[in-house]
Each structure stands twice: as C-alpha cells, then as structure tokens.
C-alpha atoms as a PDB file:
ATOM      1  CA  MET A   1       2.726  38.438 -16.879  1.00  0.00           C
ATOM      2  CA  ILE A   2       2.008  41.846 -18.764  1.00  0.00           C
ATOM      3  CA  ALA A   3       1.415  39.394 -21.894  1.00  0.00           C
ATOM      4  CA  SER A   4      -1.179  37.592 -19.900  1.00  0.00           C
ATOM      5  CA  ALA A   5      -2.972  41.046 -18.977  1.00  0.00           C
ATOM      6  CA  ASP A   6      -2.482  42.593 -22.115  1.00  0.00           C
ATOM      7  CA  LEU A   7      -4.210  39.294 -23.581  1.00  0.00           C
ATOM      8  CA  ARG A   8      -7.594  39.158 -21.860  1.00  0.00           C
ATOM      9  CA  ARG A   9      -8.129  42.781 -20.738  1.00  0.00           C
ATOM     10  CA  ASP A  10     -10.262  42.186 -18.080  1.00  0.00           C
ATOM     11  CA  GLY A  11      -8.873  44.198 -15.362  1.00  0.00           C
ATOM     12  CA  ARG A  12      -8.058  41.567 -12.882  1.00  0.00           C
ATOM     13  CA  LEU A  13      -4.632  41.025 -11.205  1.00  0.00           C
ATOM     14  CA  PRO A  14      -3.069  37.810 -13.141  1.00  0.00           C
ATOM     15  CA  MET A  15      -1.913  36.210  -9.970  1.00  0.00           C
ATOM     16  CA  ASP A  16      -2.289  32.826 -11.906  1.00  0.00           C
ATOM     17  CA  VAL A  17       0.382  33.320 -13.988  1.00  0.00           C
ATOM     18  CA  ASP A  18       3.512  31.165 -13.056  1.00  0.00           C
ATOM     19  CA  GLY A  19       5.082  32.049 -10.516  1.00  0.00           C
ATOM     20  CA  VAL A  20       3.226  35.344  -9.776  1.00  0.00           C
ATOM     21  CA  GLU A  21       3.369  34.442  -6.471  1.00  0.00           C
ATOM     22  CA  ASP A  22       6.313  33.911  -5.831  1.00  0.00           C
ATOM     23  CA  ALA A  23       7.705  37.042  -7.089  1.00  0.00           C
ATOM     24  CA  PHE A  24       4.648  39.395  -5.553  1.00  0.00           C
ATOM     25  CA  GLY A  25       4.026  38.338  -1.952  1.00  0.00           C
ATOM     26  CA  SER A  26       0.390  40.444  -2.224  1.00  0.00           C
ATOM     27  CA  GLU A  27      -2.233  41.340  -4.756  1.00  0.00           C
ATOM     28  CA  LEU A  28      -0.859  45.004  -3.746  1.00  0.00           C
ATOM     29  CA  ASP A  29       2.994  43.945  -4.666  1.00  0.00           C
ATOM     30  CA  LEU A  30       1.743  43.270  -7.803  1.00  0.00           C
ATOM     31  CA  LEU A  31      -0.572  46.162  -8.753  1.00  0.00           C
ATOM     32  CA  GLY A  32       2.153  48.688  -7.458  1.00  0.00           C
ATOM     33  CA  ALA A  33       4.772  46.946  -9.844  1.00  0.00           C
ATOM     34  CA  LEU A  34       2.173  46.918 -12.737  1.00  0.00           C
ATOM     35  CA  GLN A  35       1.707  51.124 -11.890  1.00  0.00           C
ATOM     36  CA  LEU A  36       5.428  51.585 -11.621  1.00  0.00           C
ATOM     37  CA  ARG A  37       5.582  49.803 -15.057  1.00  0.00           C
ATOM     38  CA  TRP A  38       2.980  51.995 -17.091  1.00  0.00           C
ATOM     39  CA  HIS A  39       4.280  55.117 -15.499  1.00  0.00           C
ATOM     40  CA  THR A  40       7.722  54.481 -16.411  1.00  0.00           C
ATOM     41  CA  ARG A  41       6.304  53.698 -20.171  1.00  0.00           C
ATOM     42  CA  LEU A  42       4.221  56.982 -19.625  1.00  0.00           C
ATOM     43  CA  ALA A  43       7.612  58.918 -18.816  1.00  0.00           C
ATOM     44  CA  GLY A  44       9.500  57.906 -21.525  1.00  0.00           C
ATOM     45  CA  ARG A  45       7.007  57.835 -24.131  1.00  0.00           C
ATOM     46  CA  ILE A  46       6.477  62.013 -23.235  1.00  0.00           C
ATOM     47  CA  GLU A  47       9.970  62.081 -23.354  1.00  0.00           C
ATOM     48  CA  ARG A  48       9.807  60.705 -26.932  1.00  0.00           C
ATOM     49  CA  GLU A  49       6.554  62.597 -28.065  1.00  0.00           C
ATOM     50  CA  LEU A  50       8.179  66.464 -26.795  1.00  0.00           C
ATOM     51  CA  MET A  51      11.346  65.437 -28.777  1.00  0.00           C
ATOM     52  CA  ASN A  52       9.221  65.138 -31.957  1.00  0.00           C
ATOM     53  CA  ASP A  53       7.513  68.258 -31.364  1.00  0.00           C
ATOM     54  CA  PRO A  54       8.589  70.325 -28.437  1.00  0.00           C
ATOM     55  CA  MET A  55       6.043  73.225 -29.146  1.00  0.00           C
ATOM     56  CA  ASP A  56       2.911  71.314 -28.359  1.00  0.00           C
ATOM     57  CA  LEU A  57       3.062  70.371 -24.608  1.00  0.00           C
ATOM     58  CA  GLU A  58      -0.550  69.179 -24.211  1.00  0.00           C
ATOM     59  CA  ARG A  59      -0.551  67.450 -27.249  1.00  0.00           C
ATOM     60  CA  ALA A  60       2.414  65.432 -26.733  1.00  0.00           C
ATOM     61  CA  VAL A  61       0.913  64.473 -23.388  1.00  0.00           C
ATOM     62  CA  VAL A  62      -1.669  63.155 -24.519  1.00  0.00           C
ATOM     63  CA  ALA A  63      -0.670  61.764 -27.623  1.00  0.00           C
ATOM     64  CA  ALA A  64       1.752  59.795 -25.128  1.00  0.00           C
ATOM     65  CA  TRP A  65      -1.245  58.812 -22.727  1.00  0.00           C
ATOM     66  CA  ARG A  66      -2.719  56.951 -26.105  1.00  0.00           C
ATOM     67  CA  ALA A  67       0.437  54.718 -26.802  1.00  0.00           C
ATOM     68  CA  THR A  68       1.452  54.402 -23.463  1.00  0.00           C
ATOM     69  CA  ALA A  69      -2.709  53.085 -23.367  1.00  0.00           C
ATOM     70  CA  ASP A  70      -2.352  50.816 -26.935  1.00  0.00           C
ATOM     71  CA  GLU A  71       0.998  49.602 -25.451  1.00  0.00           C
ATOM     72  CA  LEU A  72       0.089  48.141 -22.192  1.00  0.00           C
ATOM     73  CA  PRO A  73      -3.513  47.886 -22.546  1.00  0.00           C
ATOM     74  CA  GLY A  74      -4.413  45.087 -20.180  1.00  0.00           C
ATOM     75  CA  VAL A  75      -1.757  47.134 -17.465  1.00  0.00           C
ATOM     76  CA  ARG A  76      -4.148  50.171 -18.296  1.00  0.00           C
ATOM     77  CA  ALA A  77      -6.799  48.161 -17.493  1.00  0.00           C
ATOM     78  CA  ILE A  78      -5.700  46.417 -14.182  1.00  0.00           C
ATOM     79  CA  VAL A  79      -5.112  50.181 -12.736  1.00  0.00           C
ATOM     80  CA  ASP A  80      -8.276  51.630 -13.565  1.00  0.00           C
ATOM     81  CA  ALA A  81      -9.998  48.621 -12.136  1.00  0.00           C
ATOM     82  CA  HIS A  82      -8.421  48.658  -8.747  1.00  0.00           C
ATOM     83  CA  ARG A  83      -8.580  52.717  -8.852  1.00  0.00           C
ATOM     84  CA  ALA A  84     -12.356  52.077  -9.317  1.00  0.00           C
ATOM     85  CA  HIS A  85     -12.851  49.258  -6.907  1.00  0.00           C
ATOM     86  CA  PRO A  86      -9.506  48.592  -4.534  1.00  0.00           C
ATOM     87  CA  LEU A  87      -9.350  45.605  -2.731  1.00  0.00           C
ATOM     88  CA  ASP A  88      -8.914  47.113   0.652  1.00  0.00           C
ATOM     89  CA  ASP A  89      -8.281  50.250   2.314  1.00  0.00           C
ATOM     90  CA  GLU A  90      -4.367  49.994   1.257  1.00  0.00           C
ATOM     91  CA  MET A  91      -4.788  49.467  -2.300  1.00  0.00           C
ATOM     92  CA  ALA A  92      -7.219  52.184  -1.920  1.00  0.00           C
ATOM     93  CA  ALA A  93      -4.761  54.781  -0.276  1.00  0.00           C
ATOM     94  CA  ALA A  94      -1.579  53.594  -2.454  1.00  0.00           C
ATOM     95  CA  MET A  95      -3.912  53.946  -5.449  1.00  0.00           C
ATOM     96  CA  ALA A  96      -5.258  57.762  -4.896  1.00  0.00           C
ATOM     97  CA  ARG A  97      -1.395  58.567  -4.564  1.00  0.00           C
ATOM     98  CA  ALA A  98      -0.833  56.908  -7.656  1.00  0.00           C
ATOM     99  CA  GLU A  99      -2.913  58.818  -9.024  1.00  0.00           C
ATOM    100  CA  THR A 100      -2.223  62.000  -8.201  1.00  0.00           C
ATOM    101  CA  LYS A 101       1.459  61.992  -8.855  1.00  0.00           C
ATOM    102  CA  GLU A 102       0.453  60.591 -12.067  1.00  0.00           C
ATOM    103  CA  ARG A 103      -1.833  63.280 -12.781  1.00  0.00           C
ATOM    104  CA  ALA A 104       0.635  66.409 -11.387  1.00  0.00           C
ATOM    105  CA  PHE A 105       3.148  64.621 -13.586  1.00  0.00           C
ATOM    106  CA  LEU A 106       1.147  64.860 -16.688  1.00  0.00           C
ATOM    107  CA  ALA A 107      -0.044  68.858 -16.223  1.00  0.00           C
ATOM    108  CA  VAL A 108       3.687  69.443 -15.369  1.00  0.00           C
ATOM    109  CA  MET A 109       4.550  68.004 -18.493  1.00  0.00           C
ATOM    110  CA  ALA A 110       2.564  69.732 -20.432  1.00  0.00           C
ATOM    111  CA  GLY A 111       3.979  72.765 -19.152  1.00  0.00           C
ATOM    112  CA  ARG A 112       0.483  73.866 -17.266  1.00  0.00           C
ATOM    113  CA  ALA A 113       1.516  73.350 -13.509  1.00  0.00           C
ATOM    114  CA  SER A 114       4.664  73.283 -11.606  1.00  0.00           C
ATOM    115  CA  ALA A 115       5.309  70.471  -9.393  1.00  0.00           C
ATOM    116  CA  TYR A 116       4.391  72.487  -6.131  1.00  0.00           C
ATOM    117  CA  ASP A 117       0.973  74.100  -7.524  1.00  0.00           C
ATOM    118  CA  VAL A 118      -1.380  71.997  -5.373  1.00  0.00           C
ATOM    119  CA  GLY A 119      -3.894  72.399  -8.979  1.00  0.00           C
ATOM    120  CA  ALA A 120      -1.170  70.353 -10.741  1.00  0.00           C
ATOM    121  CA  ALA A 121      -3.952  67.178 -10.072  1.00  0.00           C
ATOM    122  CA  GLY A 122      -6.689  68.683 -11.271  1.00  0.00           C
ATOM    123  CA  VAL A 123      -4.866  69.896 -14.636  1.00  0.00           C
ATOM    124  CA  GLY A 124      -3.585  66.418 -14.972  1.00  0.00           C
ATOM    125  CA  ALA A 125      -6.791  64.966 -14.845  1.00  0.00           C
ATOM    126  CA  ARG A 126      -8.266  67.324 -17.340  1.00  0.00           C
ATOM    127  CA  LEU A 127      -5.135  65.792 -19.361  1.00  0.00           C
ATOM    128  CA  GLU A 128      -5.923  62.870 -18.797  1.00  0.00           C
ATOM    129  CA  ALA A 129      -9.854  63.197 -19.791  1.00  0.00           C
ATOM    130  CA  THR A 130      -9.103  64.195 -23.094  1.00  0.00           C
ATOM    131  CA  ALA A 131      -6.560  61.410 -23.702  1.00  0.00           C
ATOM    132  CA  ARG A 132      -8.979  58.599 -23.047  1.00  0.00           C
ATOM    133  CA  GLU A 133     -11.829  60.971 -24.891  1.00  0.00           C
ATOM    134  CA  GLY A 134      -9.969  59.650 -27.895  1.00  0.00           C
ATOM    135  CA  TRP A 135      -8.363  56.631 -27.138  1.00  0.00           C
ATOM    136  CA  ALA A 136     -10.490  52.602 -27.525  1.00  0.00           C
ATOM    137  CA  PRO A 137      -8.771  50.153 -26.773  1.00  0.00           C
ATOM    138  CA  ALA A 138      -8.277  47.621 -29.319  1.00  0.00           C
ATOM    139  CA  PRO A 139     -10.660  44.577 -29.102  1.00  0.00           C
ATOM    140  CA  VAL A 140     -10.060  41.479 -26.614  1.00  0.00           C
ATOM    141  CA  GLY A 141      -7.972  38.777 -28.639  1.00  0.00           C
ATOM    142  CA  VAL A 142      -5.696  41.437 -31.051  1.00  0.00           C
ATOM    143  CA  GLY A 143      -2.251  40.802 -30.423  1.00  0.00           C
ATOM    144  CA  ILE A 144       0.120  43.721 -29.530  1.00  0.00           C
ATOM    145  CA  GLU A 145       2.719  43.718 -31.382  1.00  0.00           C
ATOM    146  CA  ARG A 146       5.374  44.248 -29.216  1.00  0.00           C
ATOM    147  CA  PRO A 147       8.927  45.506 -30.818  1.00  0.00           C
ATOM    148  CA  THR A 148      12.057  43.333 -30.452  1.00  0.00           C
ATOM    149  CA  LEU A 149      15.494  44.702 -29.213  1.00  0.00           C
ATOM    150  CA  LEU A 150      16.656  44.886 -33.382  1.00  0.00           C
ATOM    151  CA  HIS A 151      13.226  46.938 -33.677  1.00  0.00           C
ATOM    152  CA  ARG A 152      13.752  49.312 -30.435  1.00  0.00           C
ATOM    153  CA  LEU A 153      17.417  49.414 -31.929  1.00  0.00           C
ATOM    154  CA  ARG A 154      16.614  50.645 -35.684  1.00  0.00           C
ATOM    155  CA  ALA A 155      14.367  53.305 -34.267  1.00  0.00           C
ATOM    156  CA  ALA A 156      17.190  54.617 -32.462  1.00  0.00           C
ATOM    157  CA  LEU A 157      19.471  54.547 -34.770  1.00  0.00           C
ATOM    158  CA  ALA A 158      16.963  55.922 -36.664  1.00  0.00           C
ATOM    159  CA  ALA A 159      16.237  59.401 -34.706  1.00  0.00           C
END
C-alpha cells in the first residue's frame, strides 16, 4: 500500500490495492494508519538527527521532516491532499487534530515550545514551512530505495 502510494504520488488513498478494503474499513481508517506511519517515522528520524547533532535542534527537526518526506513521498502527498481536501467533516476534523498535534510536536522537539504552550502549533507550522521550502519530492517514476533489514542493522552497528 505504501509502496503503491510512493510510486504514484498522486495524493489518492490506495483503496485499489488488493486487501486494503479488507484491512481498513474506510478511507478515514486508512488515512489514519498512513498518518500514524508518517508520524512514527518522523519521530524516529528526529531522534536520529538529534543524536547526530544535539546542539542545533531546529536544524535537526527540519532535516528530519525533509528526510521523512523523501522516504515516504506518497504518504506525504496523501496526507497533504486530505488536509487540503478532506472527503467529509469527520475527516476534516481528524486531519485538523493531527496537523495541530504534529506541528506542536515539531515545535517541542525543536526546543521552541513546551507541550502545553498554546502557540506551539504556530511555531511548528513555521518549522514545517521551512522544511517544505527546501524540499522537492523526487519526480514520479523515480524509485524510492527502501533500506533492507541488513542495511538497517549495519547502520545501527556503525552508530
């Protein structure tokens, strides 16, 4: 499903992939799963960036956002498309909550706000905008290289 989304990068939910309708009851359920995949990959990438350069928090968050978008361009396209054009009011509300939480998370991880700061989402929105300014998705048709388990193990051992 994610591979299909990454290959076509058209922002459409991959409901046409075999087994998706059986595994996910609705477009909202699938979108929620993709949003969760994005968030967990982003959080992990931020942690890795902070381990590499713990002194420049904002740079780490921006670099992590860009790297995650490079790894999951189809998921990013789907999330963006459904933020801008949700299918219904329930999806609009879910995407608005997810966007606010993600942006607050970015601000907190960059050291620019606390988890309880009412302005955290606004700070995170500026960080996201900075990340987007320096990011261009690979052209459609260019394969996304997925690291194998062996590559991940080697990277972990090297760290």
